[in-house]
Amino acid sequence: MDPKARFSRAIDSQFKHLGREATYKGVTSKHSIRVIARRPEQLFSLRDEKMHGEKPQLEFRLSEVSSPSRGDEIDINGRIYRIEEEPRLDLHQLVWVADTLAKNSP
């Protein structure tokens, strides 16, 4: 088995065990996917003060969404996340990483 196929199987297993069901809403399509949510911490400087913040990131497989775009939405249990920046592919070109913003509360 070639290395890319091995990585693909490992990614599929990761999403099966750690991922959550979600609905991807693009301009022309709406379908079920699995996502892994992350909340990387960021420190912001405002004059002499340091502020702590989180920016939700969602990861989803290239095999489920071939070309995500800024403005597309992902619904996780009634909470809508809008993709704020152009998604980028991971090192192995198998997983999209999208910076998002929650639109509403459940």
Protein backbone atom coordinates (compact mmCIF):
# COMPACT_ATOMS: atom_id res chain seq x y z
CA MET A 1 0.00 0.00 0.00
CA ASP A 2 1.44 3.38 -0.97
CA PRO A 3 1.98 6.07 1.70
CA LYS A 4 -0.88 8.32 0.56
CA ALA A 5 -3.34 5.41 0.81
CA ARG A 6 -2.06 4.66 4.33
CA PHE A 7 -2.51 8.30 5.37
CA SER A 8 -5.98 8.30 3.84
CA ARG A 9 -7.00 5.22 5.84
CA ALA A 10 -5.62 6.78 9.03
CA ILE A 11 -7.51 10.01 8.38
CA ASP A 12 -10.73 8.09 7.71
CA SER A 13 -10.30 6.26 11.02
CA GLN A 14 -9.63 9.52 12.85
CA PHE A 15 -12.81 11.10 11.48
CA LYS A 16 -14.83 7.94 12.22
CA HIS A 17 -13.79 7.95 15.89
CA LEU A 18 -13.31 11.66 16.65
CA GLY A 19 -15.51 13.37 14.08
CA ARG A 20 -19.05 14.65 14.49
CA GLU A 21 -21.92 14.50 12.03
CA ALA A 22 -22.56 17.82 10.31
CA THR A 23 -24.32 19.27 7.28
CA TYR A 24 -22.23 21.14 4.71
CA LYS A 25 -24.12 23.91 2.88
CA GLY A 26 -22.35 25.20 -0.20
CA VAL A 27 -23.69 27.41 -2.96
CA THR A 28 -24.96 24.48 -5.02
CA SER A 29 -25.08 21.57 -2.58
CA LYS A 30 -26.09 20.46 0.88
CA HIS A 31 -24.90 17.11 2.24
CA SER A 32 -23.75 15.24 5.35
CA ILE A 33 -20.10 15.21 6.33
CA ARG A 34 -18.00 14.46 9.42
CA VAL A 35 -16.02 17.28 11.04
CA ILE A 36 -13.46 17.66 13.78
CA ALA A 37 -13.79 20.93 15.66
CA ARG A 38 -10.77 22.69 17.13
CA ARG A 39 -10.46 25.94 19.08
CA PRO A 40 -6.85 27.12 18.83
CA GLU A 41 -5.96 29.78 21.36
CA GLN A 42 -4.64 33.13 20.24
CA LEU A 43 -3.11 36.01 22.16
CA PHE A 44 -3.92 39.52 20.97
CA SER A 45 -2.15 42.70 22.02
CA LEU A 46 -4.16 45.85 22.59
CA ARG A 47 -1.83 48.63 23.67
CA ASP A 48 -0.26 47.34 26.91
CA GLU A 49 -2.82 44.59 27.47
CA LYS A 50 -2.82 40.99 26.31
CA MET A 51 -6.15 39.42 25.41
CA HIS A 52 -6.93 35.74 25.02
CA GLY A 53 -9.27 34.55 22.28
CA GLU A 54 -10.39 31.46 20.42
CA LYS A 55 -11.24 31.09 16.76
CA PRO A 56 -13.20 27.95 15.87
CA GLN A 57 -11.57 25.81 13.21
CA LEU A 58 -13.34 22.94 11.51
CA GLU A 59 -11.56 20.13 9.71
CA PHE A 60 -13.29 17.99 7.09
CA ARG A 61 -12.13 15.54 4.45
CA LEU A 62 -11.36 16.41 0.86
CA SER A 63 -13.18 13.20 -0.08
CA GLU A 64 -16.43 14.73 1.28
CA VAL A 65 -16.06 18.34 0.12
CA SER A 66 -14.00 18.86 -3.02
CA SER A 67 -13.92 22.67 -3.17
CA PRO A 68 -15.15 24.57 -0.11
CA SER A 69 -15.41 28.34 -0.31
CA ARG A 70 -15.50 31.34 1.95
CA GLY A 71 -19.10 31.95 3.00
CA ASP A 72 -20.16 28.29 2.93
CA GLU A 73 -21.80 27.04 6.11
CA ILE A 74 -21.48 23.97 8.31
CA ASP A 75 -24.32 22.99 10.64
CA ILE A 76 -23.35 20.98 13.73
CA ASN A 77 -26.39 20.09 15.85
CA GLY A 78 -28.22 23.29 14.93
CA ARG A 79 -25.23 25.57 15.42
CA ILE A 80 -24.20 27.21 12.16
CA TYR A 81 -20.55 28.00 11.40
CA ARG A 82 -19.71 30.23 8.43
CA ILE A 83 -16.33 29.75 6.72
CA GLU A 84 -14.58 33.11 7.13
CA GLU A 85 -11.39 32.59 5.11
CA GLU A 86 -10.48 30.43 2.16
CA PRO A 87 -10.00 26.87 3.51
CA ARG A 88 -6.55 25.34 3.17
CA LEU A 89 -5.47 21.74 2.71
CA ASP A 90 -3.28 19.96 5.26
CA LEU A 91 0.24 18.74 4.56
CA HIS A 92 -0.99 15.46 3.01
CA GLN A 93 -3.67 17.15 0.88
CA LEU A 94 -6.45 15.07 2.49
CA VAL A 95 -8.12 17.38 5.03
CA TRP A 96 -9.49 20.90 4.69
CA VAL A 97 -8.87 23.29 7.59
CA ALA A 98 -11.37 26.14 7.72
CA ASP A 99 -11.43 29.15 10.04
CA THR A 100 -15.05 29.74 10.98
CA LEU A 101 -17.36 32.02 12.92
CA ALA A 102 -20.44 30.79 14.76
CA LYS A 103 -23.60 32.49 13.45
CA ASN A 104 -26.04 31.50 16.20
CA SER A 105 -26.41 29.67 19.48
CA PRO A 106 -28.25 26.35 19.87
